Amino acid sequence: MKHIALIVLTLLVSQAAGAQKMSIQDRLSKLEQQSGGQSNVADLVIQLQQLQTQIAQLQGTIEEQNFEISELKERQKVLYVDMDSRLAELEKTKLSQNTNNNNELVVDSAIEDSGAQTQTVTIADPVVRDSVDAQLSTNTLHQNNINATSSETDPAIEQKYQAAFSQLKAGRFNESARLFEDFIQQNPNHELTDNSYYWLGESYYVTRNYPMALSAFQSLEQQFPLSSKLADSLLKIGYTYHELEDFQQAEQALLKVVTSFPNESVARLAQNRLNLLKREGKIN
């Protein structure tokens, strides 16, 4: 009987120990689960903080981009106002030729794209003709080794120029650029080539192809230093350097306009752009 009681007591003790052991394991499991849950919460908090930081950075970037877009829109407005005013002047100009006799020379210094008046010069002899050519080159177009007194404008060539210019006025700038490039390639020494370089640059400038615009304006400056378009071309060189964010070159080009053409409207426009660069903190 005692043996039976002892066996029963032993079983009860072992069961109690087993129950206690299971209880400890359960508690450990629960603690591990709770610890894991807290770790997940901590990870979520960190991720949330990272997302908030990224959102703040994105908001800052968006604000900067909105500001830049606003500035670009303002510059674009100035550009189109400038283009509209120029094209309005161009519409008023008509190409005229006076062939009453062989002793008269008619030079249209604008050829449909400038507000200048047609000049008529009477030439008495070849000696006087040379001096008149030099004077006309200084005041109107750089002839670039073309003797305008001895040959008439080829209507076919002039039509090609007008076709390109018509595309420009119509706002088809890619097409006008292509046609002006063709004109320059086919007529590198024509009296309209300097104008073609200028309007080629304008075609690229409007479409924000600034490297190509700069190349066209600089070609005019280098090849036609006496062109009637030189002042406008130098101004646009300054504008283009500004857009390319080469502010030192922009300042130099604009100052050159101010000093070289102090009494012309381009000087005022150049000074306005210099003032803008100073306000932006780009130059001193």
C-alpha atoms as a PDB file:
ATOM      1  CA  MET A   1       0.000   0.000   0.000  1.00  0.00           C
ATOM      2  CA  LYS A   2       2.829   2.309   0.814  1.00  0.00           C
ATOM      3  CA  HIS A   3       4.414   1.482  -2.497  1.00  0.00           C
ATOM      4  CA  ILE A   4       1.256   2.463  -4.345  1.00  0.00           C
ATOM      5  CA  ALA A   5       1.040   5.763  -2.481  1.00  0.00           C
ATOM      6  CA  LEU A   6       4.669   6.471  -3.269  1.00  0.00           C
ATOM      7  CA  ILE A   7       4.121   5.786  -6.971  1.00  0.00           C
ATOM      8  CA  VAL A   8       1.077   8.064  -7.061  1.00  0.00           C
ATOM      9  CA  LEU A   9       3.006  10.824  -5.306  1.00  0.00           C
ATOM     10  CA  THR A  10       5.876  10.465  -7.757  1.00  0.00           C
ATOM     11  CA  LEU A  11       3.493  10.761 -10.706  1.00  0.00           C
ATOM     12  CA  LEU A  12       1.880  13.869  -9.265  1.00  0.00           C
ATOM     13  CA  VAL A  13       5.250  15.514  -8.686  1.00  0.00           C
ATOM     14  CA  SER A  14       6.418  14.729 -12.238  1.00  0.00           C
ATOM     15  CA  GLN A  15       3.182  16.057 -13.699  1.00  0.00           C
ATOM     16  CA  ALA A  16       3.519  19.257 -11.680  1.00  0.00           C
ATOM     17  CA  ALA A  17       7.112  19.639 -12.831  1.00  0.00           C
ATOM     18  CA  GLY A  18       6.060  19.024 -16.432  1.00  0.00           C
ATOM     19  CA  ALA A  19       3.278  21.555 -16.137  1.00  0.00           C
ATOM     20  CA  GLN A  20       5.691  24.082 -14.677  1.00  0.00           C
ATOM     21  CA  LYS A  21       8.168  23.367 -17.482  1.00  0.00           C
ATOM     22  CA  MET A  22       5.510  23.856 -20.146  1.00  0.00           C
ATOM     23  CA  SER A  23       4.422  27.063 -18.502  1.00  0.00           C
ATOM     24  CA  ILE A  24       7.956  28.457 -18.688  1.00  0.00           C
ATOM     25  CA  GLN A  25       8.258  27.511 -22.370  1.00  0.00           C
ATOM     26  CA  ASP A  26       4.931  29.138 -23.097  1.00  0.00           C
ATOM     27  CA  ARG A  27       6.059  32.290 -21.370  1.00  0.00           C
ATOM     28  CA  LEU A  28       9.311  32.322 -23.281  1.00  0.00           C
ATOM     29  CA  SER A  29       7.416  31.872 -26.538  1.00  0.00           C
ATOM     30  CA  LYS A  30       5.095  34.710 -25.652  1.00  0.00           C
ATOM     31  CA  LEU A  31       8.019  36.945 -24.730  1.00  0.00           C
ATOM     32  CA  GLU A  32       9.736  36.142 -28.003  1.00  0.00           C
ATOM     33  CA  GLN A  33       6.560  36.931 -29.912  1.00  0.00           C
ATOM     34  CA  GLN A  34       6.106  40.190 -28.039  1.00  0.00           C
ATOM     35  CA  SER A  35       9.732  41.105 -28.574  1.00  0.00           C
ATOM     36  CA  GLY A  36       9.383  40.331 -32.261  1.00  0.00           C
ATOM     37  CA  GLY A  37       6.277  42.463 -32.488  1.00  0.00           C
ATOM     38  CA  GLN A  38       8.020  45.383 -30.826  1.00  0.00           C
ATOM     39  CA  SER A  39      10.904  44.990 -33.249  1.00  0.00           C
ATOM     40  CA  ASN A  40       8.477  45.154 -36.178  1.00  0.00           C
ATOM     41  CA  VAL A  41       6.891  48.274 -34.734  1.00  0.00           C
ATOM     42  CA  ALA A  42      10.309  49.872 -34.362  1.00  0.00           C
ATOM     43  CA  ASP A  43      11.117  49.021 -37.984  1.00  0.00           C
ATOM     44  CA  LEU A  44       7.837  50.553 -39.108  1.00  0.00           C
ATOM     45  CA  VAL A  45       8.565  53.727 -37.147  1.00  0.00           C
ATOM     46  CA  ILE A  46      11.996  54.015 -38.769  1.00  0.00           C
ATOM     47  CA  GLN A  47      10.533  53.441 -42.234  1.00  0.00           C
ATOM     48  CA  LEU A  48       7.854  56.040 -41.566  1.00  0.00           C
ATOM     49  CA  GLN A  49      10.469  58.571 -40.525  1.00  0.00           C
ATOM     50  CA  GLN A  50      12.484  57.820 -43.657  1.00  0.00           C
ATOM     51  CA  LEU A  51       9.396  58.295 -45.817  1.00  0.00           C
ATOM     52  CA  GLN A  52       8.632  61.602 -44.125  1.00  0.00           C
ATOM     53  CA  THR A  53      12.194  62.758 -44.800  1.00  0.00           C
ATOM     54  CA  GLN A  54      11.955  61.725 -48.449  1.00  0.00           C
ATOM     55  CA  ILE A  55       8.611  63.485 -48.826  1.00  0.00           C
ATOM     56  CA  ALA A  56      10.081  66.668 -47.363  1.00  0.00           C
ATOM     57  CA  GLN A  57      13.005  66.448 -49.788  1.00  0.00           C
ATOM     58  CA  LEU A  58      10.647  65.893 -52.711  1.00  0.00           C
ATOM     59  CA  GLN A  59       8.546  68.869 -51.682  1.00  0.00           C
ATOM     60  CA  GLY A  60      11.675  71.008 -51.600  1.00  0.00           C
ATOM     61  CA  THR A  61      12.684  69.766 -55.043  1.00  0.00           C
ATOM     62  CA  ILE A  62       9.204  70.450 -56.405  1.00  0.00           C
ATOM     63  CA  GLU A  63       9.289  73.990 -55.036  1.00  0.00           C
ATOM     64  CA  GLU A  64      12.685  74.596 -56.648  1.00  0.00           C
ATOM     65  CA  GLN A  65      11.456  73.219 -59.968  1.00  0.00           C
ATOM     66  CA  ASN A  66       8.306  75.328 -59.797  1.00  0.00           C
ATOM     67  CA  PHE A  67      10.470  78.397 -59.255  1.00  0.00           C
ATOM     68  CA  GLU A  68      12.721  77.484 -62.179  1.00  0.00           C
ATOM     69  CA  ILE A  69       9.688  76.843 -64.388  1.00  0.00           C
ATOM     70  CA  SER A  70       8.273  80.226 -63.414  1.00  0.00           C
ATOM     71  CA  GLU A  71      11.554  81.895 -64.362  1.00  0.00           C
ATOM     72  CA  LEU A  72      11.655  80.033 -67.675  1.00  0.00           C
ATOM     73  CA  LYS A  73       8.114  81.134 -68.453  1.00  0.00           C
ATOM     74  CA  GLU A  74       9.036  84.751 -67.802  1.00  0.00           C
ATOM     75  CA  ARG A  75      12.080  84.476 -70.037  1.00  0.00           C
ATOM     76  CA  GLN A  76       9.979  82.798 -72.699  1.00  0.00           C
ATOM     77  CA  LYS A  77       7.489  85.667 -72.554  1.00  0.00           C
ATOM     78  CA  VAL A  78      10.317  88.156 -73.038  1.00  0.00           C
ATOM     79  CA  LEU A  79      11.583  86.091 -75.954  1.00  0.00           C
ATOM     80  CA  TYR A  80       8.253  85.931 -77.726  1.00  0.00           C
ATOM     81  CA  VAL A  81       7.553  89.617 -77.146  1.00  0.00           C
ATOM     82  CA  ASP A  82      10.939  90.356 -78.657  1.00  0.00           C
ATOM     83  CA  MET A  83      10.253  88.046 -81.584  1.00  0.00           C
ATOM     84  CA  ASP A  84       6.785  89.462 -82.153  1.00  0.00           C
ATOM     85  CA  SER A  85       8.051  93.026 -82.196  1.00  0.00           C
ATOM     86  CA  ARG A  86      10.827  92.132 -84.606  1.00  0.00           C
ATOM     87  CA  LEU A  87       8.560  90.199 -86.924  1.00  0.00           C
ATOM     88  CA  ALA A  88       6.028  93.022 -86.867  1.00  0.00           C
ATOM     89  CA  GLU A  89       8.751  95.344 -88.104  1.00  0.00           C
ATOM     90  CA  LEU A  90       9.745  92.841 -90.729  1.00  0.00           C
ATOM     91  CA  GLU A  91       6.197  92.662 -92.056  1.00  0.00           C
ATOM     92  CA  LYS A  92       6.336  96.390 -92.765  1.00  0.00           C
ATOM     93  CA  THR A  93       9.461  96.142 -94.902  1.00  0.00           C
ATOM     94  CA  LYS A  94       9.210  95.391 -98.609  1.00  0.00           C
ATOM     95  CA  LEU A  95      11.945  94.376-100.967  1.00  0.00           C
ATOM     96  CA  SER A  96      12.329  96.961-103.752  1.00  0.00           C
ATOM     97  CA  GLN A  97      14.559  97.162-106.790  1.00  0.00           C
ATOM     98  CA  ASN A  98      15.178 100.256-108.847  1.00  0.00           C
ATOM     99  CA  THR A  99      16.580  99.558-112.315  1.00  0.00           C
ATOM    100  CA  ASN A 100      15.831 102.862-114.071  1.00  0.00           C
ATOM    101  CA  ASN A 101      19.368 103.061-115.451  1.00  0.00           C
ATOM    102  CA  ASN A 102      22.761 101.436-115.106  1.00  0.00           C
ATOM    103  CA  ASN A 103      24.150 104.283-113.021  1.00  0.00           C
ATOM    104  CA  GLU A 104      21.888 103.674-110.020  1.00  0.00           C
ATOM    105  CA  LEU A 105      22.489 101.128-107.287  1.00  0.00           C
ATOM    106  CA  VAL A 106      19.638 100.107-104.976  1.00  0.00           C
ATOM    107  CA  VAL A 107      20.569  98.340-101.754  1.00  0.00           C
ATOM    108  CA  ASP A 108      17.852  97.015 -99.483  1.00  0.00           C
ATOM    109  CA  SER A 109      19.809  96.537 -96.294  1.00  0.00           C
ATOM    110  CA  ALA A 110      17.028  94.545 -94.684  1.00  0.00           C
ATOM    111  CA  ILE A 111      15.815  92.173 -97.445  1.00  0.00           C
ATOM    112  CA  GLU A 112      12.416  91.790 -95.803  1.00  0.00           C
ATOM    113  CA  ASP A 113      13.736  91.380 -92.265  1.00  0.00           C
ATOM    114  CA  SER A 114      14.809  94.796 -91.036  1.00  0.00           C
ATOM    115  CA  GLY A 115      13.196  98.157 -90.543  1.00  0.00           C
ATOM    116  CA  ALA A 116      15.944 100.011 -92.421  1.00  0.00           C
ATOM    117  CA  GLN A 117      15.087 102.130 -95.472  1.00  0.00           C
ATOM    118  CA  THR A 118      16.240 101.359 -98.999  1.00  0.00           C
ATOM    119  CA  GLN A 119      19.230 103.456-100.062  1.00  0.00           C
ATOM    120  CA  THR A 120      19.765 104.689-103.621  1.00  0.00           C
ATOM    121  CA  VAL A 121      23.251 105.822-104.609  1.00  0.00           C
ATOM    122  CA  THR A 122      24.228 107.336-107.958  1.00  0.00           C
ATOM    123  CA  ILE A 123      27.563 106.040-109.217  1.00  0.00           C
ATOM    124  CA  ALA A 124      29.495 108.041-111.730  1.00  0.00           C
ATOM    125  CA  ASP A 125      32.530 105.884-112.418  1.00  0.00           C
ATOM    126  CA  PRO A 126      34.360 102.742-111.202  1.00  0.00           C
ATOM    127  CA  VAL A 127      36.608 104.730-108.869  1.00  0.00           C
ATOM    128  CA  VAL A 128      33.667 106.303-107.071  1.00  0.00           C
ATOM    129  CA  ARG A 129      31.915 102.941-107.125  1.00  0.00           C
ATOM    130  CA  ASP A 130      34.650 101.366-104.963  1.00  0.00           C
ATOM    131  CA  SER A 131      34.335 104.039-102.297  1.00  0.00           C
ATOM    132  CA  VAL A 132      30.554 103.772-102.337  1.00  0.00           C
ATOM    133  CA  ASP A 133      30.803 100.006-101.920  1.00  0.00           C
ATOM    134  CA  ALA A 134      32.963 100.495 -98.856  1.00  0.00           C
ATOM    135  CA  GLN A 135      30.537 103.010 -97.356  1.00  0.00           C
ATOM    136  CA  LEU A 136      27.536 100.780 -97.993  1.00  0.00           C
ATOM    137  CA  SER A 137      29.324  97.834 -96.437  1.00  0.00           C
ATOM    138  CA  THR A 138      29.945  99.881 -93.314  1.00  0.00           C
ATOM    139  CA  ASN A 139      26.399 101.184 -93.002  1.00  0.00           C
ATOM    140  CA  THR A 140      24.312  98.273 -94.230  1.00  0.00           C
ATOM    141  CA  LEU A 141      25.434  94.743 -95.188  1.00  0.00           C
ATOM    142  CA  HIS A 142      28.828  93.144 -95.093  1.00  0.00           C
ATOM    143  CA  GLN A 143      29.222  92.028 -98.687  1.00  0.00           C
ATOM    144  CA  ASN A 144      31.781  89.310 -97.850  1.00  0.00           C
ATOM    145  CA  ASN A 145      33.662  89.634-101.144  1.00  0.00           C
ATOM    146  CA  ILE A 146      30.454  90.063-103.182  1.00  0.00           C
ATOM    147  CA  ASN A 147      30.309  93.093-105.469  1.00  0.00           C
ATOM    148  CA  ALA A 148      26.663  94.105-105.190  1.00  0.00           C
ATOM    149  CA  THR A 149      27.148  96.829-107.762  1.00  0.00           C
ATOM    150  CA  SER A 150      28.038  94.480-110.569  1.00  0.00           C
ATOM    151  CA  SER A 151      25.387  91.807-110.202  1.00  0.00           C
ATOM    152  CA  GLU A 152      21.685  91.697-109.509  1.00  0.00           C
ATOM    153  CA  THR A 153      20.095  89.526-106.841  1.00  0.00           C
ATOM    154  CA  ASP A 154      19.209  86.105-108.200  1.00  0.00           C
ATOM    155  CA  PRO A 155      15.416  85.776-107.790  1.00  0.00           C
ATOM    156  CA  ALA A 156      15.680  82.016-107.252  1.00  0.00           C
ATOM    157  CA  ILE A 157      18.142  82.456-104.392  1.00  0.00           C
ATOM    158  CA  GLU A 158      16.035  85.222-102.911  1.00  0.00           C
ATOM    159  CA  GLN A 159      12.971  82.976-103.055  1.00  0.00           C
ATOM    160  CA  LYS A 160      14.807  80.298-101.065  1.00  0.00           C
ATOM    161  CA  TYR A 161      15.634  82.857 -98.414  1.00  0.00           C
ATOM    162  CA  GLN A 162      12.058  84.094 -98.285  1.00  0.00           C
ATOM    163  CA  ALA A 163      10.785  80.511 -98.018  1.00  0.00           C
ATOM    164  CA  ALA A 164      12.928  79.957 -94.934  1.00  0.00           C
ATOM    165  CA  PHE A 165      11.888  83.288 -93.457  1.00  0.00           C
ATOM    166  CA  SER A 166       8.212  82.506 -94.058  1.00  0.00           C
ATOM    167  CA  GLN A 167       8.583  79.303 -92.056  1.00  0.00           C
ATOM    168  CA  LEU A 168      10.098  81.331 -89.238  1.00  0.00           C
ATOM    169  CA  LYS A 169       7.236  83.829 -89.220  1.00  0.00           C
ATOM    170  CA  ALA A 170       4.754  80.954 -89.218  1.00  0.00           C
ATOM    171  CA  GLY A 171       6.345  79.517 -86.085  1.00  0.00           C
ATOM    172  CA  ARG A 172       7.659  76.390 -87.808  1.00  0.00           C
ATOM    173  CA  PHE A 173      11.105  76.797 -86.344  1.00  0.00           C
ATOM    174  CA  ASN A 174      12.489  73.343 -87.083  1.00  0.00           C
ATOM    175  CA  GLU A 175      11.641  73.779 -90.751  1.00  0.00           C
ATOM    176  CA  SER A 176      13.016  77.322 -90.866  1.00  0.00           C
ATOM    177  CA  ALA A 177      16.270  76.082 -89.314  1.00  0.00           C
ATOM    178  CA  ARG A 178      16.566  73.389 -91.960  1.00  0.00           C
ATOM    179  CA  LEU A 179      15.915  75.827 -94.808  1.00  0.00           C
ATOM    180  CA  PHE A 180      18.315  78.450 -93.482  1.00  0.00           C
ATOM    181  CA  GLU A 181      21.013  75.796 -93.107  1.00  0.00           C
ATOM    182  CA  ASP A 182      20.419  74.717 -96.702  1.00  0.00           C
ATOM    183  CA  PHE A 183      20.603  78.326 -97.866  1.00  0.00           C
ATOM    184  CA  ILE A 184      23.913  78.909 -96.063  1.00  0.00           C
ATOM    185  CA  GLN A 185      25.409  75.695 -97.394  1.00  0.00           C
ATOM    186  CA  GLN A 186      24.366  76.462-100.969  1.00  0.00           C
ATOM    187  CA  ASN A 187      25.168  80.190-100.824  1.00  0.00           C
ATOM    188  CA  PRO A 188      28.068  80.706 -98.401  1.00  0.00           C
ATOM    189  CA  ASN A 189      29.050  84.073 -99.898  1.00  0.00           C
ATOM    190  CA  HIS A 190      25.675  85.543-100.749  1.00  0.00           C
ATOM    191  CA  GLU A 191      24.614  88.968 -99.489  1.00  0.00           C
ATOM    192  CA  LEU A 192      21.804  87.296 -97.534  1.00  0.00           C
ATOM    193  CA  THR A 193      24.016  84.713 -95.831  1.00  0.00           C
ATOM    194  CA  ASP A 194      24.671  86.853 -92.753  1.00  0.00           C
ATOM    195  CA  ASN A 195      20.939  87.356 -92.271  1.00  0.00           C
ATOM    196  CA  SER A 196      20.458  83.625 -92.720  1.00  0.00           C
ATOM    197  CA  TYR A 197      22.942  82.907 -89.950  1.00  0.00           C
ATOM    198  CA  TYR A 198      21.069  85.272 -87.658  1.00  0.00           C
ATOM    199  CA  TRP A 199      17.633  83.778 -88.308  1.00  0.00           C
ATOM    200  CA  LEU A 200      19.091  80.290 -88.102  1.00  0.00           C
ATOM    201  CA  GLY A 201      20.267  81.194 -84.617  1.00  0.00           C
ATOM    202  CA  GLU A 202      16.827  82.567 -83.741  1.00  0.00           C
ATOM    203  CA  SER A 203      15.187  79.361 -84.985  1.00  0.00           C
ATOM    204  CA  TYR A 204      17.362  77.299 -82.678  1.00  0.00           C
ATOM    205  CA  TYR A 205      17.080  79.752 -79.787  1.00  0.00           C
ATOM    206  CA  VAL A 206      13.282  79.651 -79.728  1.00  0.00           C
ATOM    207  CA  THR A 207      13.347  75.844 -79.604  1.00  0.00           C
ATOM    208  CA  ARG A 208      15.918  76.045 -76.775  1.00  0.00           C
ATOM    209  CA  ASN A 209      18.630  74.336 -78.800  1.00  0.00           C
ATOM    210  CA  TYR A 210      21.122  76.747 -77.303  1.00  0.00           C
ATOM    211  CA  PRO A 211      24.409  75.148 -78.459  1.00  0.00           C
ATOM    212  CA  MET A 212      23.285  75.281 -82.105  1.00  0.00           C
ATOM    213  CA  ALA A 213      21.935  78.805 -81.643  1.00  0.00           C
ATOM    214  CA  LEU A 214      25.255  79.940 -80.197  1.00  0.00           C
ATOM    215  CA  SER A 215      27.136  78.394 -83.114  1.00  0.00           C
ATOM    216  CA  ALA A 216      24.982  80.264 -85.651  1.00  0.00           C
ATOM    217  CA  PHE A 217      25.286  83.631 -83.897  1.00  0.00           C
ATOM    218  CA  GLN A 218      29.051  83.224 -83.507  1.00  0.00           C
ATOM    219  CA  SER A 219      29.411  82.288 -87.179  1.00  0.00           C
ATOM    220  CA  LEU A 220      27.768  85.568 -88.122  1.00  0.00           C
ATOM    221  CA  GLU A 221      30.068  87.491 -85.766  1.00  0.00           C
ATOM    222  CA  GLN A 222      33.204  85.820 -87.108  1.00  0.00           C
ATOM    223  CA  GLN A 223      32.388  85.772 -90.816  1.00  0.00           C
ATOM    224  CA  PHE A 224      30.411  89.006 -91.164  1.00  0.00           C
ATOM    225  CA  PRO A 225      31.855  91.581 -88.746  1.00  0.00           C
ATOM    226  CA  LEU A 226      30.230  94.443 -90.685  1.00  0.00           C
ATOM    227  CA  SER A 227      26.781  92.886 -90.939  1.00  0.00           C
ATOM    228  CA  SER A 228      23.733  94.935 -90.051  1.00  0.00           C
ATOM    229  CA  LYS A 229      22.762  91.963 -87.882  1.00  0.00           C
ATOM    230  CA  LEU A 230      25.970  92.045 -85.838  1.00  0.00           C
ATOM    231  CA  ALA A 231      24.536  93.994 -82.894  1.00  0.00           C
ATOM    232  CA  ASP A 232      21.495  91.742 -82.596  1.00  0.00           C
ATOM    233  CA  SER A 233      23.690  88.675 -82.960  1.00  0.00           C
ATOM    234  CA  LEU A 234      26.027  89.785 -80.173  1.00  0.00           C
ATOM    235  CA  LEU A 235      23.014  90.409 -77.953  1.00  0.00           C
ATOM    236  CA  LYS A 236      21.719  86.913 -78.613  1.00  0.00           C
ATOM    237  CA  ILE A 237      25.158  85.472 -77.895  1.00  0.00           C
ATOM    238  CA  GLY A 238      24.873  87.017 -74.443  1.00  0.00           C
ATOM    239  CA  TYR A 239      21.336  85.690 -74.018  1.00  0.00           C
ATOM    240  CA  THR A 240      22.393  82.221 -75.133  1.00  0.00           C
ATOM    241  CA  TYR A 241      25.340  82.062 -72.747  1.00  0.00           C
ATOM    242  CA  HIS A 242      22.908  83.032 -69.997  1.00  0.00           C
ATOM    243  CA  GLU A 243      20.635  80.127 -70.887  1.00  0.00           C
ATOM    244  CA  LEU A 244      23.659  77.816 -70.981  1.00  0.00           C
ATOM    245  CA  GLU A 245      24.555  79.101 -67.494  1.00  0.00           C
ATOM    246  CA  ASP A 246      27.964  80.311 -68.660  1.00  0.00           C
ATOM    247  CA  PHE A 247      27.486  83.563 -66.818  1.00  0.00           C
ATOM    248  CA  GLN A 248      31.010  84.914 -67.281  1.00  0.00           C
ATOM    249  CA  GLN A 249      30.785  84.606 -71.067  1.00  0.00           C
ATOM    250  CA  ALA A 250      27.276  86.060 -70.957  1.00  0.00           C
ATOM    251  CA  GLU A 251      28.533  89.101 -69.077  1.00  0.00           C
ATOM    252  CA  GLN A 252      31.400  89.634 -71.526  1.00  0.00           C
ATOM    253  CA  ALA A 253      29.127  89.393 -74.561  1.00  0.00           C
ATOM    254  CA  LEU A 254      26.507  91.734 -73.104  1.00  0.00           C
ATOM    255  CA  LEU A 255      29.111  94.291 -72.029  1.00  0.00           C
ATOM    256  CA  LYS A 256      30.486  94.191 -75.578  1.00  0.00           C
ATOM    257  CA  VAL A 257      27.034  95.119 -76.877  1.00  0.00           C
ATOM    258  CA  VAL A 258      26.714  98.000 -74.403  1.00  0.00           C
ATOM    259  CA  THR A 259      30.129  99.434 -75.263  1.00  0.00           C
ATOM    260  CA  SER A 260      30.012  98.787 -79.017  1.00  0.00           C
ATOM    261  CA  PHE A 261      26.458  99.997 -79.648  1.00  0.00           C
ATOM    262  CA  PRO A 262      25.730 102.481 -76.833  1.00  0.00           C
ATOM    263  CA  ASN A 263      23.107 104.444 -78.745  1.00  0.00           C
ATOM    264  CA  GLU A 264      21.091 101.513 -80.071  1.00  0.00           C
ATOM    265  CA  SER A 265      18.190  99.636 -78.524  1.00  0.00           C
ATOM    266  CA  VAL A 266      20.307  96.494 -78.192  1.00  0.00           C
ATOM    267  CA  ALA A 267      22.433  98.302 -75.605  1.00  0.00           C
ATOM    268  CA  ARG A 268      19.361  98.839 -73.426  1.00  0.00           C
ATOM    269  CA  LEU A 269      18.343  95.192 -73.800  1.00  0.00           C
ATOM    270  CA  ALA A 270      21.867  94.056 -72.964  1.00  0.00           C
ATOM    271  CA  GLN A 271      21.940  96.249 -69.869  1.00  0.00           C
ATOM    272  CA  ASN A 272      18.577  94.861 -68.760  1.00  0.00           C
ATOM    273  CA  ARG A 273      19.921  91.328 -69.014  1.00  0.00           C
ATOM    274  CA  LEU A 274      23.066  92.320 -67.104  1.00  0.00           C
ATOM    275  CA  ASN A 275      20.859  93.736 -64.358  1.00  0.00           C
ATOM    276  CA  LEU A 276      18.920  90.471 -64.273  1.00  0.00           C
ATOM    277  CA  LEU A 277      22.134  88.484 -63.915  1.00  0.00           C
ATOM    278  CA  LYS A 278      23.164  90.703 -61.021  1.00  0.00           C
ATOM    279  CA  ARG A 279      19.804  90.285 -59.303  1.00  0.00           C
ATOM    280  CA  GLU A 280      20.129  86.527 -59.684  1.00  0.00           C
ATOM    281  CA  GLY A 281      23.563  86.697 -58.084  1.00  0.00           C
ATOM    282  CA  LYS A 282      25.225  85.234 -61.169  1.00  0.00           C
ATOM    283  CA  ILE A 283      27.646  88.134 -61.664  1.00  0.00           C
ATOM    284  CA  ASN A 284      28.987  90.911 -59.473  1.00  0.00           C
END
